[in-house]
C-alpha cells in the first residue's frame, strides 16, 4: 500500500487542487463546477476521476474540478462558504442541522442494485474477538468523526450493548480513510475498526492482499448510500444537467467503463427519507454531543 503522504500528493496532482482563497459565487471564477471529495473515498476511485470529470463536463457544458480535502468537516465548511458547488458526502453530515439549509441531494450511487450499504466491524484475521463487546478496553480505528459507517454506527452499537462509547476503548483514533482503517487493523495497529462495506469490497477487488489480514465480525443494518449533494444556489440548469448526466450513466455505453472502475451500477434519484435511519440513530445516540446538531424529523 502507498503511504498517506504519497496518497494525498497523488490525489492533489490528479485533481489539480490549489489552496482555497475566500468565498466564491455559485460557480468558480472560470465557470468550472467544483466537486468535493475526502480521503474517506477509497483511493481506487482516483483511477476513474479524470474520466468521470471529462464525462460530466461534456454533459453539463462546463469543466468539472474534483477538489480533495482531508475530512468531511473540511468539505462541509467549504460547501457552507460557497467554495464548492457539490460534493460526495456521507449520510451523517447530510442529516446534520443547517440553518438555513443550503444543500440538496443530486443523486445517490447504486451499488449491487440499490442505493444502500452497511457498516462493517473488522478485526485482525488472527483475532479471537467475535463481538463489539470483545473489543472493550482495546484499541480502535475510526475513519472520520462525521462518517456514519466509520464512526456513528459503531458508537451506536457500543451504546446498544450497554456501554459508554467515550469510555469503551483504551484508545481510539481517526484514520480519515477507510483504506487506512483496513491497513491499521490488518497490521495490528488497531484491535478493531469500522469501515464502509462498499469501500471494503472495492479494496478487496483491487488490493485483495490489503484485506487478507482482516476479518469481518459484524455488520450493521443497511443505510442510504453516501449521496452526491449540491448547493441550493447552484444554477437550476446546471443542477438539472448534473443530475441528468449521473442518471444517464447506467444506459450510456461511454459511461460503462467508468462505472466499472467505481464498481457501481449507476445513480438514482433519492429523497432525504432514505437517510432517516442515520438521523434517528444519531438522535438516539447517548454519548457526548453526537446528536446535538441533527435535524429533527
C-alpha atoms as a PDB file:
ATOM      1  CA  UNK A   1       0.000   0.000   0.000  1.00  0.00           C
ATOM      2  CA  UNK A   2       1.148   3.524  -0.663  1.00  0.00           C
ATOM      3  CA  UNK A   3       1.699   5.821   2.300  1.00  0.00           C
ATOM      4  CA  UNK A   4      -0.706   8.596   3.286  1.00  0.00           C
ATOM      5  CA  UNK A   5       1.611  11.398   2.162  1.00  0.00           C
ATOM      6  CA  UNK A   6       2.132   9.875  -1.278  1.00  0.00           C
ATOM      7  CA  UNK A   7      -1.602   9.134  -1.496  1.00  0.00           C
ATOM      8  CA  UNK A   8      -2.574  12.731  -0.729  1.00  0.00           C
ATOM      9  CA  UNK A   9       0.063  14.088  -3.097  1.00  0.00           C
ATOM     10  CA  UNK A  10      -1.169  11.845  -5.901  1.00  0.00           C
ATOM     11  CA  UNK A  11      -4.775  12.879  -5.361  1.00  0.00           C
ATOM     12  CA  UNK A  12      -3.865  16.554  -5.313  1.00  0.00           C
ATOM     13  CA  UNK A  13      -1.863  16.253  -8.514  1.00  0.00           C
ATOM     14  CA  UNK A  14      -4.633  14.325 -10.271  1.00  0.00           C
ATOM     15  CA  UNK A  15      -7.412  16.650  -9.150  1.00  0.00           C
ATOM     16  CA  UNK A  16      -5.485  19.850  -9.801  1.00  0.00           C
ATOM     17  CA  UNK A  17      -6.039  21.147  -6.277  1.00  0.00           C
ATOM     18  CA  UNK A  18      -4.945  24.653  -5.321  1.00  0.00           C
ATOM     19  CA  UNK A  19      -5.358  26.344  -1.938  1.00  0.00           C
ATOM     20  CA  UNK A  20      -8.744  27.927  -1.383  1.00  0.00           C
ATOM     21  CA  UNK A  21      -8.868  31.724  -1.181  1.00  0.00           C
ATOM     22  CA  UNK A  22     -12.097  33.183   0.103  1.00  0.00           C
ATOM     23  CA  UNK A  23     -15.706  32.655  -0.876  1.00  0.00           C
ATOM     24  CA  UNK A  24     -16.919  32.254  -4.435  1.00  0.00           C
ATOM     25  CA  UNK A  25     -20.157  32.783  -6.263  1.00  0.00           C
ATOM     26  CA  UNK A  26     -22.292  29.842  -7.336  1.00  0.00           C
ATOM     27  CA  UNK A  27     -19.619  28.587  -9.727  1.00  0.00           C
ATOM     28  CA  UNK A  28     -15.859  29.093  -9.804  1.00  0.00           C
ATOM     29  CA  UNK A  29     -14.353  32.125 -11.478  1.00  0.00           C
ATOM     30  CA  UNK A  30     -13.528  30.091 -14.577  1.00  0.00           C
ATOM     31  CA  UNK A  31     -17.035  28.614 -14.707  1.00  0.00           C
ATOM     32  CA  UNK A  32     -15.975  25.172 -13.529  1.00  0.00           C
ATOM     33  CA  UNK A  33     -18.125  23.007 -11.290  1.00  0.00           C
ATOM     34  CA  UNK A  34     -16.192  22.282  -8.107  1.00  0.00           C
ATOM     35  CA  UNK A  35     -16.981  18.902  -6.523  1.00  0.00           C
ATOM     36  CA  UNK A  36     -15.557  17.978  -3.111  1.00  0.00           C
ATOM     37  CA  UNK A  37     -14.092  14.605  -2.122  1.00  0.00           C
ATOM     38  CA  UNK A  38     -12.366  13.343   1.021  1.00  0.00           C
ATOM     39  CA  UNK A  39      -9.831  10.649   1.870  1.00  0.00           C
ATOM     40  CA  UNK A  40     -12.731   8.541   3.099  1.00  0.00           C
ATOM     41  CA  UNK A  41     -13.300   7.999  -0.613  1.00  0.00           C
ATOM     42  CA  UNK A  42     -11.141   4.983  -1.343  1.00  0.00           C
ATOM     43  CA  UNK A  43      -8.071   5.761  -3.411  1.00  0.00           C
ATOM     44  CA  UNK A  44      -9.071   3.235  -6.051  1.00  0.00           C
ATOM     45  CA  UNK A  45     -11.730   5.754  -7.115  1.00  0.00           C
ATOM     46  CA  UNK A  46      -8.912   8.031  -8.240  1.00  0.00           C
ATOM     47  CA  UNK A  47      -8.308   5.764 -11.226  1.00  0.00           C
ATOM     48  CA  UNK A  48     -11.558   6.961 -12.741  1.00  0.00           C
ATOM     49  CA  UNK A  49     -11.897  10.555 -11.530  1.00  0.00           C
ATOM     50  CA  UNK A  50     -10.294  12.028 -14.631  1.00  0.00           C
ATOM     51  CA  UNK A  51     -12.643  10.014 -16.816  1.00  0.00           C
ATOM     52  CA  UNK A  52     -15.651  10.958 -14.704  1.00  0.00           C
ATOM     53  CA  UNK A  53     -14.793  14.678 -14.719  1.00  0.00           C
ATOM     54  CA  UNK A  54     -14.416  14.626 -18.502  1.00  0.00           C
ATOM     55  CA  UNK A  55     -17.671  12.707 -18.898  1.00  0.00           C
ATOM     56  CA  UNK A  56     -19.635  15.105 -16.689  1.00  0.00           C
ATOM     57  CA  UNK A  57     -18.031  18.179 -18.272  1.00  0.00           C
ATOM     58  CA  UNK A  58     -19.201  17.135 -21.722  1.00  0.00           C
ATOM     59  CA  UNK A  59     -22.753  16.651 -20.488  1.00  0.00           C
ATOM     60  CA  UNK A  60     -23.156  19.771 -18.363  1.00  0.00           C
ATOM     61  CA  UNK A  61     -21.223  22.066 -20.664  1.00  0.00           C
ATOM     62  CA  UNK A  62     -18.557  23.293 -18.247  1.00  0.00           C
ATOM     63  CA  UNK A  63     -15.334  21.967 -16.683  1.00  0.00           C
ATOM     64  CA  UNK A  64     -15.650  19.747 -13.605  1.00  0.00           C
ATOM     65  CA  UNK A  65     -12.914  20.026 -10.998  1.00  0.00           C
ATOM     66  CA  UNK A  66     -12.680  17.452  -8.191  1.00  0.00           C
ATOM     67  CA  UNK A  67     -11.362  19.083  -5.019  1.00  0.00           C
ATOM     68  CA  UNK A  68      -9.807  16.921  -2.313  1.00  0.00           C
ATOM     69  CA  UNK A  69      -9.784  17.706   1.410  1.00  0.00           C
ATOM     70  CA  UNK A  70      -8.853  15.566   4.389  1.00  0.00           C
ATOM     71  CA  UNK A  71     -12.168  15.381   6.227  1.00  0.00           C
ATOM     72  CA  UNK A  72     -15.911  15.661   5.812  1.00  0.00           C
ATOM     73  CA  UNK A  73     -15.782  18.678   8.111  1.00  0.00           C
ATOM     74  CA  UNK A  74     -13.465  20.448   5.683  1.00  0.00           C
ATOM     75  CA  UNK A  75     -15.749  19.647   2.760  1.00  0.00           C
ATOM     76  CA  UNK A  76     -18.908  20.741   4.598  1.00  0.00           C
ATOM     77  CA  UNK A  77     -17.243  24.010   5.625  1.00  0.00           C
ATOM     78  CA  UNK A  78     -16.291  24.696   2.016  1.00  0.00           C
ATOM     79  CA  UNK A  79     -19.843  23.969   0.894  1.00  0.00           C
ATOM     80  CA  UNK A  80     -21.167  26.345   3.544  1.00  0.00           C
ATOM     81  CA  UNK A  81     -18.832  29.112   2.365  1.00  0.00           C
ATOM     82  CA  UNK A  82     -19.725  28.583  -1.277  1.00  0.00           C
ATOM     83  CA  UNK A  83     -16.240  27.374  -2.173  1.00  0.00           C
ATOM     84  CA  UNK A  84     -17.666  24.133  -3.548  1.00  0.00           C
ATOM     85  CA  UNK A  85     -20.717  23.658  -5.728  1.00  0.00           C
ATOM     86  CA  UNK A  86     -21.263  19.975  -4.986  1.00  0.00           C
ATOM     87  CA  UNK A  87     -19.677  17.107  -3.062  1.00  0.00           C
ATOM     88  CA  UNK A  88     -19.805  13.389  -2.400  1.00  0.00           C
ATOM     89  CA  UNK A  89     -20.562  13.291   1.312  1.00  0.00           C
ATOM     90  CA  UNK A  90     -21.661  10.800   3.939  1.00  0.00           C
ATOM     91  CA  UNK A  91     -25.217  10.443   5.158  1.00  0.00           C
ATOM     92  CA  UNK A  92     -24.225  11.546   8.664  1.00  0.00           C
ATOM     93  CA  UNK A  93     -23.096  15.090   7.809  1.00  0.00           C
ATOM     94  CA  UNK A  94     -26.054  15.321   5.435  1.00  0.00           C
ATOM     95  CA  UNK A  95     -28.586  14.770   8.267  1.00  0.00           C
ATOM     96  CA  UNK A  96     -26.966  17.374  10.489  1.00  0.00           C
ATOM     97  CA  UNK A  97     -28.768  20.644  11.119  1.00  0.00           C
ATOM     98  CA  UNK A  98     -28.077  23.550   8.759  1.00  0.00           C
ATOM     99  CA  UNK A  99     -29.850  26.857   9.362  1.00  0.00           C
ATOM    100  CA  UNK A 100     -30.721  27.949   6.803  1.00  0.00           C
ATOM    101  CA  UNK A 101     -30.491  24.806   4.692  1.00  0.00           C
ATOM    102  CA  UNK A 102     -28.068  25.224   1.799  1.00  0.00           C
ATOM    103  CA  UNK A 103     -27.832  21.701   0.361  1.00  0.00           C
ATOM    104  CA  UNK A 104     -29.959  19.471  -1.827  1.00  0.00           C
ATOM    105  CA  UNK A 105     -29.454  15.851  -2.874  1.00  0.00           C
ATOM    106  CA  UNK A 106     -28.439  15.386  -6.503  1.00  0.00           C
ATOM    107  CA  UNK A 107     -28.294  11.576  -6.699  1.00  0.00           C
ATOM    108  CA  UNK A 108     -27.090   8.555  -4.778  1.00  0.00           C
ATOM    109  CA  UNK A 109     -24.936   5.762  -6.249  1.00  0.00           C
ATOM    110  CA  UNK A 110     -26.485   2.383  -6.938  1.00  0.00           C
ATOM    111  CA  UNK A 111     -24.454  -0.476  -5.508  1.00  0.00           C
ATOM    112  CA  UNK A 112     -25.499  -4.037  -6.267  1.00  0.00           C
ATOM    113  CA  UNK A 113     -28.871  -2.791  -7.398  1.00  0.00           C
ATOM    114  CA  UNK A 114     -29.712  -0.406  -4.554  1.00  0.00           C
ATOM    115  CA  UNK A 115     -28.518   2.892  -3.005  1.00  0.00           C
ATOM    116  CA  UNK A 116     -27.587   1.058   0.182  1.00  0.00           C
ATOM    117  CA  UNK A 117     -24.532  -0.048   2.141  1.00  0.00           C
ATOM    118  CA  UNK A 118     -23.546  -1.199   5.638  1.00  0.00           C
ATOM    119  CA  UNK A 119     -21.001  -0.503   8.339  1.00  0.00           C
ATOM    120  CA  UNK A 120     -18.609  -3.416   8.884  1.00  0.00           C
ATOM    121  CA  UNK A 121     -16.800  -4.179  12.122  1.00  0.00           C
ATOM    122  CA  UNK A 122     -13.403  -5.702  11.316  1.00  0.00           C
ATOM    123  CA  UNK A 123     -10.612  -7.207  13.406  1.00  0.00           C
ATOM    124  CA  UNK A 124      -7.219  -8.740  12.561  1.00  0.00           C
ATOM    125  CA  UNK A 125      -7.634 -12.129  10.923  1.00  0.00           C
ATOM    126  CA  UNK A 126      -5.855 -13.834  13.819  1.00  0.00           C
ATOM    127  CA  UNK A 127      -8.002 -12.130  16.460  1.00  0.00           C
ATOM    128  CA  UNK A 128     -10.233 -14.194  18.715  1.00  0.00           C
ATOM    129  CA  UNK A 129     -12.701 -11.290  19.128  1.00  0.00           C
ATOM    130  CA  UNK A 130     -16.197 -12.012  17.820  1.00  0.00           C
ATOM    131  CA  UNK A 131     -18.405  -9.143  19.016  1.00  0.00           C
ATOM    132  CA  UNK A 132     -18.171  -5.424  19.690  1.00  0.00           C
ATOM    133  CA  UNK A 133     -18.160  -6.208  23.414  1.00  0.00           C
ATOM    134  CA  UNK A 134     -14.953  -8.226  22.988  1.00  0.00           C
ATOM    135  CA  UNK A 135     -13.175  -5.019  21.924  1.00  0.00           C
ATOM    136  CA  UNK A 136     -13.765  -3.285  25.260  1.00  0.00           C
ATOM    137  CA  UNK A 137     -10.541  -1.861  26.656  1.00  0.00           C
ATOM    138  CA  UNK A 138      -8.688  -2.281  23.354  1.00  0.00           C
ATOM    139  CA  UNK A 139      -7.511  -0.011  20.514  1.00  0.00           C
ATOM    140  CA  UNK A 140      -9.979   1.003  17.808  1.00  0.00           C
ATOM    141  CA  UNK A 141      -9.701   2.805  14.467  1.00  0.00           C
ATOM    142  CA  UNK A 142     -12.482   5.167  13.391  1.00  0.00           C
ATOM    143  CA  UNK A 143     -12.439   6.690   9.915  1.00  0.00           C
ATOM    144  CA  UNK A 144     -13.826  10.230  10.242  1.00  0.00           C
ATOM    145  CA  UNK A 145     -15.830  11.892  13.054  1.00  0.00           C
ATOM    146  CA  UNK A 146     -18.547  12.694  10.507  1.00  0.00           C
ATOM    147  CA  UNK A 147     -18.662   9.212   8.985  1.00  0.00           C
ATOM    148  CA  UNK A 148     -21.767   7.119   9.540  1.00  0.00           C
ATOM    149  CA  UNK A 149     -20.187   3.723   8.892  1.00  0.00           C
ATOM    150  CA  UNK A 150     -16.798   4.631  10.331  1.00  0.00           C
ATOM    151  CA  UNK A 151     -17.913   6.436  13.492  1.00  0.00           C
ATOM    152  CA  UNK A 152     -21.622   6.864  14.233  1.00  0.00           C
ATOM    153  CA  UNK A 153     -22.690   3.257  13.588  1.00  0.00           C
ATOM    154  CA  UNK A 154     -20.009   1.586  15.745  1.00  0.00           C
ATOM    155  CA  UNK A 155     -20.622   4.055  18.571  1.00  0.00           C
ATOM    156  CA  UNK A 156     -24.337   3.334  18.381  1.00  0.00           C
ATOM    157  CA  UNK A 157     -23.559  -0.396  18.547  1.00  0.00           C
ATOM    158  CA  UNK A 158     -21.453   0.175  21.655  1.00  0.00           C
ATOM    159  CA  UNK A 159     -24.262   2.144  23.282  1.00  0.00           C
ATOM    160  CA  UNK A 160     -26.792  -0.557  22.371  1.00  0.00           C
ATOM    161  CA  UNK A 161     -24.514  -3.102  24.053  1.00  0.00           C
ATOM    162  CA  UNK A 162     -24.875  -1.096  27.266  1.00  0.00           C
ATOM    163  CA  UNK A 163     -21.546   0.771  27.303  1.00  0.00           C
ATOM    164  CA  UNK A 164     -20.426   4.384  27.072  1.00  0.00           C
ATOM    165  CA  UNK A 165     -18.680   4.850  23.711  1.00  0.00           C
ATOM    166  CA  UNK A 166     -16.450   7.559  25.184  1.00  0.00           C
ATOM    167  CA  UNK A 167     -15.121   5.184  27.844  1.00  0.00           C
ATOM    168  CA  UNK A 168     -15.266   1.894  25.966  1.00  0.00           C
ATOM    169  CA  UNK A 169     -11.859   1.698  24.276  1.00  0.00           C
ATOM    170  CA  UNK A 170      -8.446   2.005  25.870  1.00  0.00           C
ATOM    171  CA  UNK A 171      -7.541   4.170  22.899  1.00  0.00           C
ATOM    172  CA  UNK A 172      -9.317   5.222  19.699  1.00  0.00           C
ATOM    173  CA  UNK A 173      -8.007   7.235  16.775  1.00  0.00           C
ATOM    174  CA  UNK A 174      -9.123   8.563  13.392  1.00  0.00           C
ATOM    175  CA  UNK A 175      -7.562   7.424  10.138  1.00  0.00           C
ATOM    176  CA  UNK A 176      -9.649   9.735   7.881  1.00  0.00           C
ATOM    177  CA  UNK A 177      -9.733   6.928   5.323  1.00  0.00           C
ATOM    178  CA  UNK A 178     -11.460   3.560   5.231  1.00  0.00           C
ATOM    179  CA  UNK A 179      -8.431   2.204   3.383  1.00  0.00           C
ATOM    180  CA  UNK A 180      -6.179   3.353   6.222  1.00  0.00           C
ATOM    181  CA  UNK A 181      -8.541   1.791   8.767  1.00  0.00           C
ATOM    182  CA  UNK A 182      -8.248  -1.538   6.947  1.00  0.00           C
ATOM    183  CA  UNK A 183      -4.485  -1.153   6.934  1.00  0.00           C
ATOM    184  CA  UNK A 184      -4.353  -0.295  10.649  1.00  0.00           C
ATOM    185  CA  UNK A 185      -6.386  -3.386  11.548  1.00  0.00           C
ATOM    186  CA  UNK A 186      -4.537  -5.687   9.165  1.00  0.00           C
ATOM    187  CA  UNK A 187      -1.196  -4.627  10.622  1.00  0.00           C
ATOM    188  CA  UNK A 188      -2.378  -4.953  14.223  1.00  0.00           C
ATOM    189  CA  UNK A 189      -2.043  -1.229  14.922  1.00  0.00           C
ATOM    190  CA  UNK A 190      -5.703  -1.403  15.986  1.00  0.00           C
ATOM    191  CA  UNK A 191      -7.599  -4.316  17.524  1.00  0.00           C
ATOM    192  CA  UNK A 192     -10.659  -3.360  15.535  1.00  0.00           C
ATOM    193  CA  UNK A 193     -12.107  -0.814  13.162  1.00  0.00           C
ATOM    194  CA  UNK A 194     -15.297   0.207  11.397  1.00  0.00           C
ATOM    195  CA  UNK A 195     -15.474   0.600   7.630  1.00  0.00           C
ATOM    196  CA  UNK A 196     -17.911   1.170   4.788  1.00  0.00           C
ATOM    197  CA  UNK A 197     -18.950  -2.174   3.254  1.00  0.00           C
ATOM    198  CA  UNK A 198     -18.771  -0.809  -0.274  1.00  0.00           C
ATOM    199  CA  UNK A 199     -15.286   0.609   0.244  1.00  0.00           C
ATOM    200  CA  UNK A 200     -14.118  -2.615   1.880  1.00  0.00           C
ATOM    201  CA  UNK A 201     -15.362  -4.594  -1.115  1.00  0.00           C
ATOM    202  CA  UNK A 202     -13.704  -2.215  -3.581  1.00  0.00           C
ATOM    203  CA  UNK A 203     -10.398  -2.511  -1.722  1.00  0.00           C
ATOM    204  CA  UNK A 204     -10.808  -6.285  -1.778  1.00  0.00           C
ATOM    205  CA  UNK A 205     -11.367  -6.124  -5.535  1.00  0.00           C
ATOM    206  CA  UNK A 206      -8.321  -4.004  -6.351  1.00  0.00           C
ATOM    207  CA  UNK A 207      -5.978  -4.943  -3.493  1.00  0.00           C
ATOM    208  CA  UNK A 208      -7.082  -8.305  -2.051  1.00  0.00           C
ATOM    209  CA  UNK A 209      -3.865  -8.540  -0.074  1.00  0.00           C
ATOM    210  CA  UNK A 210      -4.869  -5.397   1.813  1.00  0.00           C
ATOM    211  CA  UNK A 211      -7.930  -7.019   3.381  1.00  0.00           C
ATOM    212  CA  UNK A 212      -6.446 -10.509   3.687  1.00  0.00           C
ATOM    213  CA  UNK A 213      -5.218  -9.679   7.176  1.00  0.00           C
ATOM    214  CA  UNK A 214      -8.686  -8.687   8.400  1.00  0.00           C
ATOM    215  CA  UNK A 215     -11.910 -10.459   9.275  1.00  0.00           C
ATOM    216  CA  UNK A 216     -15.496  -9.147   9.449  1.00  0.00           C
ATOM    217  CA  UNK A 217     -17.169  -9.949  12.763  1.00  0.00           C
ATOM    218  CA  UNK A 218     -20.352  -7.857  12.474  1.00  0.00           C
ATOM    219  CA  UNK A 219     -22.299  -5.714  10.082  1.00  0.00           C
ATOM    220  CA  UNK A 220     -24.923  -3.039  10.602  1.00  0.00           C
ATOM    221  CA  UNK A 221     -28.342  -2.714   9.065  1.00  0.00           C
ATOM    222  CA  UNK A 222     -28.453  -1.141   5.605  1.00  0.00           C
ATOM    223  CA  UNK A 223     -28.177   2.635   5.319  1.00  0.00           C
ATOM    224  CA  UNK A 224     -28.641   5.114   2.499  1.00  0.00           C
ATOM    225  CA  UNK A 225     -25.534   5.227   0.304  1.00  0.00           C
ATOM    226  CA  UNK A 226     -23.404   8.394   0.702  1.00  0.00           C
ATOM    227  CA  UNK A 227     -25.115  10.942  -1.569  1.00  0.00           C
ATOM    228  CA  UNK A 228     -23.857  13.480  -4.030  1.00  0.00           C
ATOM    229  CA  UNK A 229     -25.175  16.850  -2.896  1.00  0.00           C
ATOM    230  CA  UNK A 230     -25.163  20.351  -4.344  1.00  0.00           C
ATOM    231  CA  UNK A 231     -25.663  23.849  -3.027  1.00  0.00           C
ATOM    232  CA  UNK A 232     -29.208  25.160  -3.304  1.00  0.00           C
ATOM    233  CA  UNK A 233     -27.958  28.285  -5.045  1.00  0.00           C
ATOM    234  CA  UNK A 234     -26.408  26.302  -7.871  1.00  0.00           C
ATOM    235  CA  UNK A 235     -27.985  27.255 -11.174  1.00  0.00           C
ATOM    236  CA  UNK A 236     -31.149  25.220 -11.710  1.00  0.00           C
ATOM    237  CA  UNK A 237     -29.996  24.491 -15.248  1.00  0.00           C
ATOM    238  CA  UNK A 238     -26.585  23.227 -14.133  1.00  0.00           C
ATOM    239  CA  UNK A 239     -28.143  21.172 -11.343  1.00  0.00           C
ATOM    240  CA  UNK A 240     -30.578  19.579 -13.769  1.00  0.00           C
ATOM    241  CA  UNK A 241     -27.807  18.795 -16.250  1.00  0.00           C
ATOM    242  CA  UNK A 242     -25.641  17.324 -13.492  1.00  0.00           C
ATOM    243  CA  UNK A 243     -28.441  15.111 -12.207  1.00  0.00           C
ATOM    244  CA  UNK A 244     -29.363  14.046 -15.735  1.00  0.00           C
ATOM    245  CA  UNK A 245     -25.747  13.194 -16.507  1.00  0.00           C
ATOM    246  CA  UNK A 246     -25.458  10.945 -13.465  1.00  0.00           C
ATOM    247  CA  UNK A 247     -28.831   9.288 -14.058  1.00  0.00           C
ATOM    248  CA  UNK A 248     -27.959   8.572 -17.667  1.00  0.00           C
ATOM    249  CA  UNK A 249     -24.705   6.771 -16.936  1.00  0.00           C
ATOM    250  CA  UNK A 250     -26.288   3.332 -16.467  1.00  0.00           C
ATOM    251  CA  UNK A 251     -27.611   3.328 -20.040  1.00  0.00           C
ATOM    252  CA  UNK A 252     -24.685   5.112 -21.696  1.00  0.00           C
ATOM    253  CA  UNK A 253     -22.024   2.803 -23.206  1.00  0.00           C
ATOM    254  CA  UNK A 254     -19.439   5.583 -22.798  1.00  0.00           C
ATOM    255  CA  UNK A 255     -20.041   5.517 -19.033  1.00  0.00           C
ATOM    256  CA  UNK A 256     -19.815   1.731 -18.678  1.00  0.00           C
ATOM    257  CA  UNK A 257     -16.034   1.600 -18.065  1.00  0.00           C
ATOM    258  CA  UNK A 258     -16.275   4.464 -15.571  1.00  0.00           C
ATOM    259  CA  UNK A 259     -18.986   2.720 -13.567  1.00  0.00           C
ATOM    260  CA  UNK A 260     -16.956  -0.486 -13.720  1.00  0.00           C
ATOM    261  CA  UNK A 261     -13.962   1.246 -12.130  1.00  0.00           C
ATOM    262  CA  UNK A 262     -16.206   2.573  -9.379  1.00  0.00           C
ATOM    263  CA  UNK A 263     -17.877  -0.859  -9.104  1.00  0.00           C
ATOM    264  CA  UNK A 264     -21.261   0.870  -9.275  1.00  0.00           C
ATOM    265  CA  UNK A 265     -24.432   0.056 -11.228  1.00  0.00           C
ATOM    266  CA  UNK A 266     -25.319   3.695 -11.809  1.00  0.00           C
ATOM    267  CA  UNK A 267     -27.021   6.513  -9.920  1.00  0.00           C
ATOM    268  CA  UNK A 268     -30.584   7.066  -8.737  1.00  0.00           C
ATOM    269  CA  UNK A 269     -32.793   9.899  -7.553  1.00  0.00           C
ATOM    270  CA  UNK A 270     -33.404   9.613  -3.812  1.00  0.00           C
ATOM    271  CA  UNK A 271     -35.067  11.712  -1.122  1.00  0.00           C
ATOM    272  CA  UNK A 272     -33.871  12.734   2.362  1.00  0.00           C
ATOM    273  CA  UNK A 273     -36.129   9.979   3.743  1.00  0.00           C
ATOM    274  CA  UNK A 274     -33.505   7.437   2.666  1.00  0.00           C
ATOM    275  CA  UNK A 275     -31.229   8.848   5.371  1.00  0.00           C
ATOM    276  CA  UNK A 276     -33.838   8.871   8.155  1.00  0.00           C
ATOM    277  CA  UNK A 277     -32.310   5.771   9.844  1.00  0.00           C
ATOM    278  CA  UNK A 278     -28.989   7.612  10.136  1.00  0.00           C
ATOM    279  CA  UNK A 279     -30.754  10.664  11.535  1.00  0.00           C
ATOM    280  CA  UNK A 280     -32.701   8.522  14.011  1.00  0.00           C
ATOM    281  CA  UNK A 281     -29.574   6.688  15.102  1.00  0.00           C
ATOM    282  CA  UNK A 282     -27.776   9.978  15.709  1.00  0.00           C
ATOM    283  CA  UNK A 283     -30.716  11.366  17.658  1.00  0.00           C
ATOM    284  CA  UNK A 284     -30.769   8.288  19.892  1.00  0.00           C
ATOM    285  CA  UNK A 285     -27.032   8.253  20.483  1.00  0.00           C
ATOM    286  CA  UNK A 286     -26.386   8.806  24.164  1.00  0.00           C
ATOM    287  CA  UNK A 287     -22.731   9.788  24.195  1.00  0.00           C
ATOM    288  CA  UNK A 288     -21.222  13.257  24.026  1.00  0.00           C
ATOM    289  CA  UNK A 289     -22.723  15.849  21.664  1.00  0.00           C
ATOM    290  CA  UNK A 290     -23.173  13.446  18.792  1.00  0.00           C
ATOM    291  CA  UNK A 291     -26.882  14.240  18.338  1.00  0.00           C
ATOM    292  CA  UNK A 292     -26.944  17.891  19.347  1.00  0.00           C
ATOM    293  CA  UNK A 293     -26.908  19.248  15.811  1.00  0.00           C
ATOM    294  CA  UNK A 294     -29.017  16.651  13.998  1.00  0.00           C
ATOM    295  CA  UNK A 295     -32.141  17.750  12.164  1.00  0.00           C
ATOM    296  CA  UNK A 296     -35.417  16.691  13.743  1.00  0.00           C
ATOM    297  CA  UNK A 297     -37.940  14.646  11.720  1.00  0.00           C
END
